Structure formats: C-alpha cells, structure tokens
C-alpha cells in the first residue's frame, strides 16, 4: 500500500490517524511517510523510500536503529521472559548502574514513560514538602499530565493551541509559570509564593520549544531560591539524559538537582522512564513512605535488558560523544555558513547531539518569546524540501533534531547539500 492510503485508512481507526499528535504532520500540511524499518541512520517507508533519520524516535536511538548489541539483549531476554510484575535482577542491574554512574541519584524508581516519571516526581516533591504549588517554565514540556499542560512547548505550539481541553481549572491552579532564563521573574515568583512551592521542574536543556540551554547564572539562581524557600529542584532529563553528555545535562552546570527524571535513551528504544534523587526523598515512596506510585510493567525485563545494553555501550565507548560533537559542529558550522551566503536569517542552537535550526532574524534565541517569533511558513518550506530530498526531520519548528553515533560526515554533507539548495531557492524568492 502507498503511504497516503495507509494514513488515510488509519484516520478511520485512530484520532488523526496517529497515536501521538505531531506524527500527523498537521503543522507542515503534508501526509507523513509510514515507516516500516530502520537500521543505523537509514529508515524506509512502506513504499521503500529511504530517509537519513535525524529524529531517531525523538531522541532515544543514540546508537542508531536496531543496534546489534541492543537487539541481541532483547532477543536473549525475550526468549525466557516477557513480563512478571515481580522483582528481577535485571531491574537491579539497571538501577545500580544509574545510581553508580549518575550524579545526585542515590535511589531510583523505574516507570514506563517520561510523562509517568515527571508526574511522579512532582507528586513525590509535594509529598516530601507537604506543599501544593509547582513551578514549570513556559515552553518546557514535561508530558501530558494535567498540571503541565500550560505553555507546554512544541506539541501545543505546533497545534496552535494554548493548552488542552479536558484539563479543569482545579488541576492547574497550583501550577505557576516561570519564564525560562529570566532570573528576575523567577525571583519575584518565589517572593510571592515561596512558602507554598513544593518544587521547580525544568528542562536544563530545553528541547520542546526547540533547543535552548539554560544559562548558568539562571540555574544557580534556581538552586539558591529552592534552598532559601525549602523547595525541591527537579531536572527533567527525559530528553537530555545520556544525550548531551554521558551524565546528562546536569553535568553541564555547577548545580545539584534534588530529583532527576529520565526516559528515552535509558530504555534503548523501548518504552521506559525513571525518577531518582537523594535517599531521604526517595524513601517517601511506597512501600517505605506515604507517597503512592505503582506500575505493573515498571522494570519490565525486556526493557531493562535493552537499557543495560545501551548504557553499558555508552559508558564503555565515551568517544561516541566526541564523534557526535564533531559531526554536530560540522552540521552547525555548515548551516551557518550557507545561511550567511544566501542571506537567510537563522539561529542555530545546539548542545551536543541535539539542536534546532530556528528561522528567526534575532541574534539569539534564549526564551520562549524568542521562539514565538520564528517564521513557521519558511520552516514548512524547508521541511518539505528536506523530506523530498530524503531526510527525516522533526515536522515542527519547535522540536529538536538528533544525532547518533551512526551518523557519518557523508550524512552531514548530504544534509548540507540539500540545505544549500533550499537556501538558494529562498534567496531567489526574495529577489
């Protein structure tokens, strides 16, 4: 069947034809390719068209599609275990690995998604502090939990909506909105509500309003305010964990979070999540404490095996991060050079193997308001050109693209060649 036929039939059985909104390509007004296979950085659709993949399942596949070691671990475990809903040594092995190798994680709880990790971390912060209010930042996305769906970044921005229907006011009345990288605003917010704030949750490297790294002095201010008012600082590293560095984004700052959430890479491409922190906080979780959270599939043996295989490979080959940095710099420098050549206004934000090309004539993009000034129509033309040229990119101006250890200089050069064709066309349109 053709991609369009499969997608049209899917619309009869799934809302919008998809199981996650951005996959529908509504923001770029195109029919999405229907993907059937992937190996390394090459994916194929149902018509056998090939694409060089810069989405990588939205970040998890840092080793590329179907890495042999990860697939081997999955096959080995799946021959004797699918699920038990009981303790396994595999969940101990992954928990021990993460607590041993990550900073500020003394104890960890496995869950099944990034959303489950962040909502559980917030519940734990409330239970630990006996307070109700949570601070999140405009443009940061922490999953589809009711209390997070205000100014929630890429998904709602791409759909052109401010939040979500089905979320009653009482579910969000204890969510306070901070402005990313604005020390003065967050300080005033704490002055007004500090004694009521259970915690602050932040993407230290935002990826859901496009890639924006938090500024060092801003992060230090957050830590100082949380210390002063007795609130917990929660790093959402669902996207950045093991991605921007082996120890994640927290290793880029001189700031210690109280709780950290993970997903994506730690599951090796399978559904997974976790949240961890100091023992004195984590011991408030049931069955030790009064904060209840449970999950039948949490610590699933197949997922744990995929995660262990992935993280061990990253630990034993930390030159992978040098490779990703090198090809990332090659891509960034090439885009900037081509954009200058054709007078195309862009801002390129990159942290390691995640980056966003903003079609924006500002000198820098550092806040949610900056992101809102992007030329979405130009992005859509760029996206369509790149897709037709054989590149799978995030179908939204407000998302990150990702690199893997399987990307080579030849893939980057092919990207730059296609991008130069686009930039040349845009230049001609403006004449």
Protein backbone atom coordinates (compact mmCIF):
# COMPACT_ATOMS: atom_id res chain seq x y z
CA UNK A 1 0.00 0.00 0.00
CA UNK A 2 1.04 3.59 -0.56
CA UNK A 3 1.89 5.79 2.42
CA UNK A 4 -1.07 8.06 1.78
CA UNK A 5 -3.50 5.14 1.57
CA UNK A 6 -2.29 3.64 4.84
CA UNK A 7 -2.51 7.01 6.56
CA UNK A 8 -5.98 7.77 5.23
CA UNK A 9 -7.23 4.39 6.44
CA UNK A 10 -5.54 4.98 9.80
CA UNK A 11 -7.66 8.10 10.21
CA UNK A 12 -10.73 5.85 10.34
CA UNK A 13 -9.44 3.95 13.35
CA UNK A 14 -7.15 6.32 15.27
CA UNK A 15 -7.77 10.00 16.07
CA UNK A 16 -5.97 11.92 13.34
CA UNK A 17 -4.54 8.63 12.12
CA UNK A 18 -1.86 8.64 14.83
CA UNK A 19 -1.09 7.74 18.41
CA UNK A 20 0.84 10.94 19.12
CA UNK A 21 -0.24 14.27 17.58
CA UNK A 22 2.95 15.57 15.94
CA UNK A 23 3.20 12.41 13.81
CA UNK A 24 0.18 13.59 11.80
CA UNK A 25 2.29 16.33 10.11
CA UNK A 26 -0.58 18.80 10.55
CA UNK A 27 1.83 21.63 11.26
CA UNK A 28 3.56 21.18 7.89
CA UNK A 29 0.38 20.34 5.91
CA UNK A 30 1.73 17.08 4.49
CA UNK A 31 0.90 13.40 4.61
CA UNK A 32 3.51 11.60 6.73
CA UNK A 33 5.58 8.73 5.40
CA UNK A 34 4.60 5.45 7.06
CA UNK A 35 7.79 3.87 8.37
CA UNK A 36 8.36 0.12 8.29
CA UNK A 37 12.06 -0.44 9.04
CA UNK A 38 15.28 1.15 10.21
CA UNK A 39 18.95 0.24 10.51
CA UNK A 40 21.70 2.60 11.58
CA UNK A 41 20.52 6.03 10.42
CA UNK A 42 18.51 4.83 7.41
CA UNK A 43 14.77 4.28 7.68
CA UNK A 44 12.41 3.03 4.98
CA UNK A 45 8.74 3.76 4.45
CA UNK A 46 6.08 1.41 3.09
CA UNK A 47 6.95 2.46 -0.48
CA UNK A 48 10.63 1.60 0.13
CA UNK A 49 11.70 5.25 0.04
CA UNK A 50 14.83 5.75 2.14
CA UNK A 51 15.48 8.65 4.52
CA UNK A 52 18.50 9.67 6.56
CA UNK A 53 16.98 9.91 10.02
CA UNK A 54 17.57 12.93 12.27
CA UNK A 55 14.59 12.17 14.54
CA UNK A 56 15.75 8.83 15.96
CA UNK A 57 12.40 8.09 17.63
CA UNK A 58 12.57 11.61 19.13
CA UNK A 59 15.96 11.04 20.72
CA UNK A 60 16.29 7.56 22.24
CA UNK A 61 18.28 5.90 19.46
CA UNK A 62 21.69 7.41 20.15
CA UNK A 63 23.22 4.14 18.92
CA UNK A 64 21.10 4.23 15.76
CA UNK A 65 18.24 1.99 14.72
CA UNK A 66 18.41 -1.70 15.67
CA UNK A 67 21.88 -1.66 17.20
CA UNK A 68 23.14 -5.25 17.13
CA UNK A 69 24.02 -5.39 20.83
CA UNK A 70 20.69 -3.93 21.94
CA UNK A 71 18.70 -6.23 19.65
CA UNK A 72 20.77 -9.18 20.87
CA UNK A 73 19.98 -8.36 24.50
CA UNK A 74 16.27 -8.07 23.70
CA UNK A 75 16.25 -11.42 21.88
CA UNK A 76 18.10 -13.19 24.67
CA UNK A 77 15.79 -12.00 27.43
CA UNK A 78 12.57 -12.28 25.43
CA UNK A 79 13.19 -15.99 24.91
CA UNK A 80 12.69 -16.56 28.64
CA UNK A 81 10.88 -13.51 30.00
CA UNK A 82 8.26 -11.07 28.77
CA UNK A 83 6.77 -9.73 31.99
CA UNK A 84 6.36 -10.84 35.59
CA UNK A 85 5.16 -7.92 37.67
CA UNK A 86 7.73 -9.18 40.16
CA UNK A 87 11.32 -8.32 41.15
CA UNK A 88 14.05 -9.27 38.67
CA UNK A 89 17.82 -9.00 38.76
CA UNK A 90 17.70 -7.02 35.52
CA UNK A 91 15.90 -4.11 37.21
CA UNK A 92 18.52 -4.21 39.98
CA UNK A 93 21.30 -4.14 37.39
CA UNK A 94 19.90 -1.06 35.63
CA UNK A 95 19.06 0.72 38.88
CA UNK A 96 22.55 0.04 40.25
CA UNK A 97 24.15 1.23 37.01
CA UNK A 98 22.27 4.52 37.10
CA UNK A 99 22.80 5.18 40.80
CA UNK A 100 26.51 4.35 40.47
CA UNK A 101 27.20 6.35 37.32
CA UNK A 102 24.93 9.39 37.63
CA UNK A 103 25.43 12.32 39.95
CA UNK A 104 22.79 13.14 42.56
CA UNK A 105 20.92 9.85 42.08
CA UNK A 106 21.20 7.67 45.20
CA UNK A 107 17.96 5.75 44.70
CA UNK A 108 15.73 5.33 41.66
CA UNK A 109 12.23 4.15 40.71
CA UNK A 110 11.57 2.66 37.27
CA UNK A 111 8.40 3.64 35.37
CA UNK A 112 7.16 3.30 31.79
CA UNK A 113 7.40 6.75 30.18
CA UNK A 114 8.76 10.24 30.54
CA UNK A 115 5.31 11.55 31.43
CA UNK A 116 4.99 8.99 34.22
CA UNK A 117 8.45 9.93 35.52
CA UNK A 118 7.78 13.67 35.66
CA UNK A 119 4.28 13.45 37.14
CA UNK A 120 5.55 11.00 39.76
CA UNK A 121 8.49 13.24 40.64
CA UNK A 122 6.10 16.16 41.16
CA UNK A 123 3.85 14.04 43.37
CA UNK A 124 6.91 13.00 45.39
CA UNK A 125 8.02 16.63 45.76
CA UNK A 126 4.56 17.55 47.06
CA UNK A 127 4.52 14.62 49.45
CA UNK A 128 8.02 15.35 50.75
CA UNK A 129 7.48 19.09 51.29
CA UNK A 130 3.76 18.91 52.25
CA UNK A 131 3.14 21.75 49.76
CA UNK A 132 0.94 22.04 46.66
CA UNK A 133 2.43 24.51 44.18
CA UNK A 134 4.79 23.54 41.36
CA UNK A 135 6.74 25.90 39.10
CA UNK A 136 7.18 24.98 35.44
CA UNK A 137 8.58 27.16 32.68
CA UNK A 138 6.79 28.43 29.60
CA UNK A 139 7.92 26.39 26.61
CA UNK A 140 9.05 23.37 28.60
CA UNK A 141 7.12 20.16 28.02
CA UNK A 142 7.06 17.56 30.76
CA UNK A 143 4.43 15.20 29.38
CA UNK A 144 0.67 15.30 29.17
CA UNK A 145 -0.08 15.31 32.91
CA UNK A 146 -2.83 17.87 33.59
CA UNK A 147 -0.70 20.16 35.72
CA UNK A 148 1.93 20.51 32.98
CA UNK A 149 -0.31 21.44 30.04
CA UNK A 150 0.07 25.19 30.31
CA UNK A 151 2.51 26.96 27.97
CA UNK A 152 3.75 23.46 27.21
CA UNK A 153 6.01 23.94 24.21
CA UNK A 154 6.21 22.06 20.94
CA UNK A 155 3.09 19.91 20.87
CA UNK A 156 0.60 22.63 21.69
CA UNK A 157 2.56 25.26 19.77
CA UNK A 158 2.56 23.14 16.62
CA UNK A 159 -1.16 22.55 17.02
CA UNK A 160 -1.75 26.25 17.60
CA UNK A 161 -3.47 25.77 20.96
CA UNK A 162 -2.65 27.32 24.37
CA UNK A 163 -3.13 24.18 26.46
CA UNK A 164 -5.59 21.31 26.39
CA UNK A 165 -9.29 20.72 26.65
CA UNK A 166 -10.20 18.23 29.36
CA UNK A 167 -7.98 19.89 31.93
CA UNK A 168 -10.14 21.50 34.65
CA UNK A 169 -9.01 24.71 36.26
CA UNK A 170 -8.54 23.00 39.61
CA UNK A 171 -5.92 20.73 38.02
CA UNK A 172 -3.72 23.66 37.05
CA UNK A 173 -4.45 26.18 39.78
CA UNK A 174 -1.33 25.07 41.68
CA UNK A 175 0.95 25.33 38.63
CA UNK A 176 2.98 28.55 38.48
CA UNK A 177 4.60 29.62 35.19
CA UNK A 178 8.19 30.79 35.17
CA UNK A 179 9.99 32.48 32.28
CA UNK A 180 12.98 30.46 31.10
CA UNK A 181 16.31 32.23 31.64
CA UNK A 182 14.66 35.16 33.48
CA UNK A 183 16.23 35.47 36.94
CA UNK A 184 14.20 38.49 37.96
CA UNK A 185 10.83 36.94 37.15
CA UNK A 186 11.52 33.66 38.98
CA UNK A 187 12.85 35.58 41.98
CA UNK A 188 9.64 37.62 42.17
CA UNK A 189 7.58 34.44 41.81
CA UNK A 190 9.33 32.95 44.83
CA UNK A 191 8.92 36.14 46.83
CA UNK A 192 5.17 35.87 46.33
CA UNK A 193 4.64 32.12 46.62
CA UNK A 194 7.89 30.68 48.01
CA UNK A 195 6.45 29.16 51.19
CA UNK A 196 3.85 27.30 49.07
CA UNK A 197 6.18 25.95 46.35
CA UNK A 198 6.89 22.22 46.58
CA UNK A 199 9.25 22.16 43.64
CA UNK A 200 10.53 23.63 40.41
CA UNK A 201 10.68 21.38 37.35
CA UNK A 202 12.83 22.41 34.41
CA UNK A 203 14.43 21.02 31.27
CA UNK A 204 18.05 22.13 31.86
CA UNK A 205 18.44 21.87 28.11
CA UNK A 206 15.01 22.59 26.71
CA UNK A 207 14.07 20.55 23.67
CA UNK A 208 10.37 21.22 23.37
CA UNK A 209 10.46 24.85 22.31
CA UNK A 210 13.41 23.99 20.19
CA UNK A 211 16.81 23.55 21.81
CA UNK A 212 17.61 26.24 24.37
CA UNK A 213 20.20 25.70 27.09
CA UNK A 214 19.51 27.24 30.47
CA UNK A 215 22.04 29.91 31.39
CA UNK A 216 24.42 29.12 34.23
CA UNK A 217 23.51 32.08 36.42
CA UNK A 218 19.81 31.34 35.92
CA UNK A 219 20.30 27.76 37.11
CA UNK A 220 22.33 28.95 40.08
CA UNK A 221 19.51 31.34 40.96
CA UNK A 222 17.01 28.46 40.86
CA UNK A 223 19.17 26.42 43.22
CA UNK A 224 19.58 29.33 45.63
CA UNK A 225 15.84 30.06 45.65
CA UNK A 226 14.95 26.41 46.26
CA UNK A 227 17.44 26.28 49.12
CA UNK A 228 16.13 29.51 50.60
CA UNK A 229 12.46 28.52 50.48
CA UNK A 230 12.76 24.77 51.10
CA UNK A 231 11.57 23.72 47.64
CA UNK A 232 12.90 20.83 45.56
CA UNK A 233 14.68 21.39 42.24
CA UNK A 234 13.67 18.78 39.64
CA UNK A 235 15.68 18.33 36.45
CA UNK A 236 13.65 16.83 33.59
CA UNK A 237 16.34 14.91 31.71
CA UNK A 238 13.91 12.75 29.75
CA UNK A 239 15.41 14.15 26.56
CA UNK A 240 18.87 15.31 27.63
CA UNK A 241 19.79 12.35 29.85
CA UNK A 242 22.72 10.41 28.32
CA UNK A 243 22.18 12.59 25.23
CA UNK A 244 24.07 15.88 25.71
CA UNK A 245 26.69 14.09 27.82
CA UNK A 246 27.01 10.67 29.41
CA UNK A 247 25.97 12.08 32.79
CA UNK A 248 23.34 14.26 31.20
CA UNK A 249 22.67 17.97 31.27
CA UNK A 250 23.25 18.25 34.99
CA UNK A 251 26.96 17.68 34.30
CA UNK A 252 26.96 20.95 32.32
CA UNK A 253 26.08 23.04 35.38
CA UNK A 254 27.54 23.62 38.83
CA UNK A 255 24.10 22.92 40.28
CA UNK A 256 22.77 19.84 42.05
CA UNK A 257 19.12 18.88 41.49
CA UNK A 258 17.11 17.17 44.22
CA UNK A 259 15.27 14.89 41.80
CA UNK A 260 16.01 13.91 38.20
CA UNK A 261 13.73 12.26 35.64
CA UNK A 262 14.85 10.04 32.76
CA UNK A 263 13.39 8.17 29.79
CA UNK A 264 14.20 7.74 26.08
CA UNK A 265 17.88 6.68 25.86
CA UNK A 266 17.80 4.74 29.14
CA UNK A 267 15.30 2.31 27.56
CA UNK A 268 17.36 1.62 24.46
CA UNK A 269 14.40 2.46 22.22
CA UNK A 270 11.72 0.67 24.27
CA UNK A 271 9.13 2.42 26.48
CA UNK A 272 10.85 3.34 29.73
CA UNK A 273 11.24 6.03 32.35
CA UNK A 274 12.67 6.63 35.81
CA UNK A 275 13.00 9.22 38.52
CA UNK A 276 15.63 9.36 41.20
CA UNK A 277 17.37 11.50 43.78
CA UNK A 278 18.57 11.58 47.36
CA UNK A 279 17.59 8.61 49.53
CA UNK A 280 15.93 10.82 52.14
CA UNK A 281 13.49 11.99 49.43
CA UNK A 282 13.05 8.71 47.57
CA UNK A 283 12.28 6.81 50.77
CA UNK A 284 9.00 8.71 50.94
CA UNK A 285 7.73 6.44 48.14
CA UNK A 286 5.51 3.48 48.96
CA UNK A 287 6.16 0.86 50.30
CA UNK A 288 8.60 2.78 52.53
CA UNK A 289 6.62 6.01 52.72
CA UNK A 290 3.23 7.51 52.13
CA UNK A 291 3.60 8.69 48.51
CA UNK A 292 1.92 6.02 46.42
CA UNK A 293 3.02 5.20 42.87
CA UNK A 294 2.87 1.83 41.14
CA UNK A 295 3.06 0.23 37.69
CA UNK A 296 2.50 -3.33 36.52
CA UNK A 297 5.08 -3.06 33.74
CA UNK A 298 7.61 -0.92 35.63
CA UNK A 299 11.02 -2.60 35.44
CA UNK A 300 9.91 -4.84 32.57
CA UNK A 301 12.73 -7.33 31.93
CA UNK A 302 12.96 -6.78 28.17
CA UNK A 303 13.12 -3.01 28.62
CA UNK A 304 15.72 -3.35 31.38
CA UNK A 305 17.85 -5.54 29.11
CA UNK A 306 17.70 -3.01 26.28
CA UNK A 307 18.59 -0.21 28.68
CA UNK A 308 21.53 -2.07 30.21
CA UNK A 309 22.92 -2.90 26.76
CA UNK A 310 22.60 0.72 25.63
CA UNK A 311 24.05 2.38 28.72
CA UNK A 312 26.95 -0.06 29.04
CA UNK A 313 27.86 0.59 25.42
CA UNK A 314 27.80 4.35 26.02
CA UNK A 315 29.89 4.04 29.18
CA UNK A 316 32.48 1.81 27.52
CA UNK A 317 32.73 4.00 24.40
CA UNK A 318 32.61 7.58 25.60
CA UNK A 319 34.46 8.55 22.41
CA UNK A 320 30.94 8.29 20.92
CA UNK A 321 30.22 11.67 22.45
CA UNK A 322 33.32 13.15 20.79
CA UNK A 323 32.11 11.80 17.45
CA UNK A 324 28.64 13.28 17.93
CA UNK A 325 30.15 16.61 18.97
CA UNK A 326 32.37 16.66 15.89
CA UNK A 327 29.63 15.90 13.38
CA UNK A 328 27.28 18.25 15.25
CA UNK A 329 29.79 21.08 14.91
CA UNK A 330 30.23 20.22 11.22
CA UNK A 331 26.48 20.45 10.69
CA UNK A 332 26.12 23.65 12.72
CA UNK A 333 29.04 25.42 11.03
CA UNK A 334 27.82 24.35 7.60
CA UNK A 335 24.30 25.64 8.16
CA UNK A 336 25.55 28.97 9.48
CA UNK A 337 27.96 29.38 6.56
CA UNK A 338 25.31 28.55 3.95
CA UNK A 339 22.76 30.84 5.62
CA UNK A 340 25.17 33.76 5.50
CA UNK A 341 25.99 33.03 1.87
CA UNK A 342 22.33 33.25 0.86
CA UNK A 343 21.30 35.92 3.37
CA UNK A 344 18.93 33.51 5.11
CA UNK A 345 18.11 34.65 8.68
CA UNK A 346 18.58 31.72 11.07
CA UNK A 347 19.69 31.00 14.60
CA UNK A 348 21.28 27.61 15.30
CA UNK A 349 21.13 26.32 18.88
CA UNK A 350 23.00 23.12 19.64
CA UNK A 351 24.02 21.21 22.74
CA UNK A 352 25.93 18.06 21.84
CA UNK A 353 23.75 15.79 19.74
CA UNK A 354 20.54 17.80 19.90
CA UNK A 355 19.91 21.01 18.00
CA UNK A 356 17.30 23.27 16.44
CA UNK A 357 17.50 25.47 13.37
CA UNK A 358 15.32 28.49 14.13
CA UNK A 359 14.13 30.52 11.15
CA UNK A 360 14.39 33.72 13.07
CA UNK A 361 16.15 37.04 12.41
CA UNK A 362 17.07 37.61 16.07
CA UNK A 363 20.72 37.49 17.11
CA UNK A 364 19.94 34.71 19.59
CA UNK A 365 17.06 32.54 20.76
CA UNK A 366 17.10 32.17 24.53
CA UNK A 367 13.46 32.47 25.66
CA UNK A 368 10.02 31.16 24.78
CA UNK A 369 9.07 34.60 23.46
CA UNK A 370 12.05 34.48 21.10
CA UNK A 371 10.85 31.13 19.77
CA UNK A 372 7.39 32.53 19.05
CA UNK A 373 8.94 34.99 16.58
CA UNK A 374 10.08 32.23 14.20
CA UNK A 375 8.97 32.17 10.57
CA UNK A 376 6.89 28.99 10.60
CA UNK A 377 5.99 29.27 6.91
CA UNK A 378 9.66 29.27 5.97
CA UNK A 379 10.23 26.29 8.25
CA UNK A 380 7.44 24.43 6.47
CA UNK A 381 9.06 25.06 3.08
CA UNK A 382 12.39 23.88 4.48
CA UNK A 383 10.83 20.76 5.95
CA UNK A 384 9.09 19.80 2.72
CA UNK A 385 12.26 20.34 0.69
CA UNK A 386 14.34 18.22 3.07
CA UNK A 387 11.75 15.44 3.20
CA UNK A 388 11.64 15.26 -0.60
CA UNK A 389 15.45 15.21 -0.57
CA UNK A 390 15.45 12.11 1.65
CA UNK A 391 15.80 13.45 5.18
CA UNK A 392 13.55 12.59 8.11
CA UNK A 393 13.39 15.70 10.33
CA UNK A 394 11.04 16.72 13.16
CA UNK A 395 7.89 18.15 11.50
CA UNK A 396 7.80 21.20 13.75
CA UNK A 397 9.83 24.38 14.13
CA UNK A 398 9.60 23.86 17.87
CA UNK A 399 11.35 20.49 18.16
CA UNK A 400 14.92 19.22 18.29
CA UNK A 401 16.72 17.12 15.74
CA UNK A 402 19.11 14.44 16.98
CA UNK A 403 22.40 12.84 16.01
CA UNK A 404 23.57 9.30 16.65
CA UNK A 405 26.90 7.51 16.67
CA UNK A 406 25.91 6.06 13.29
CA UNK A 407 25.77 9.45 11.55
CA UNK A 408 28.83 9.96 9.39
CA UNK A 409 30.38 13.00 7.75
CA UNK A 410 28.86 11.85 4.47
CA UNK A 411 25.36 12.09 6.00
CA UNK A 412 26.12 15.59 7.26
CA UNK A 413 27.49 16.68 3.89
CA UNK A 414 24.39 15.32 2.13
CA UNK A 415 22.23 17.30 4.56
CA UNK A 416 24.21 20.47 3.87
CA UNK A 417 23.94 19.99 0.12
CA UNK A 418 20.15 19.73 0.36
CA UNK A 419 20.02 22.68 2.75
CA UNK A 420 22.03 24.82 0.33
CA UNK A 421 19.52 24.03 -2.41
CA UNK A 422 16.76 25.22 -0.11
CA UNK A 423 18.65 28.38 0.90
CA UNK A 424 19.34 29.20 -2.75
CA UNK A 425 15.66 28.82 -3.59
CA UNK A 426 14.66 31.07 -0.70
CA UNK A 427 17.15 33.68 -1.82
CA UNK A 428 15.69 33.68 -5.34
CA UNK A 429 12.16 34.06 -3.94
CA UNK A 430 13.23 37.21 -2.07
CA UNK A 431 14.71 38.90 -5.14
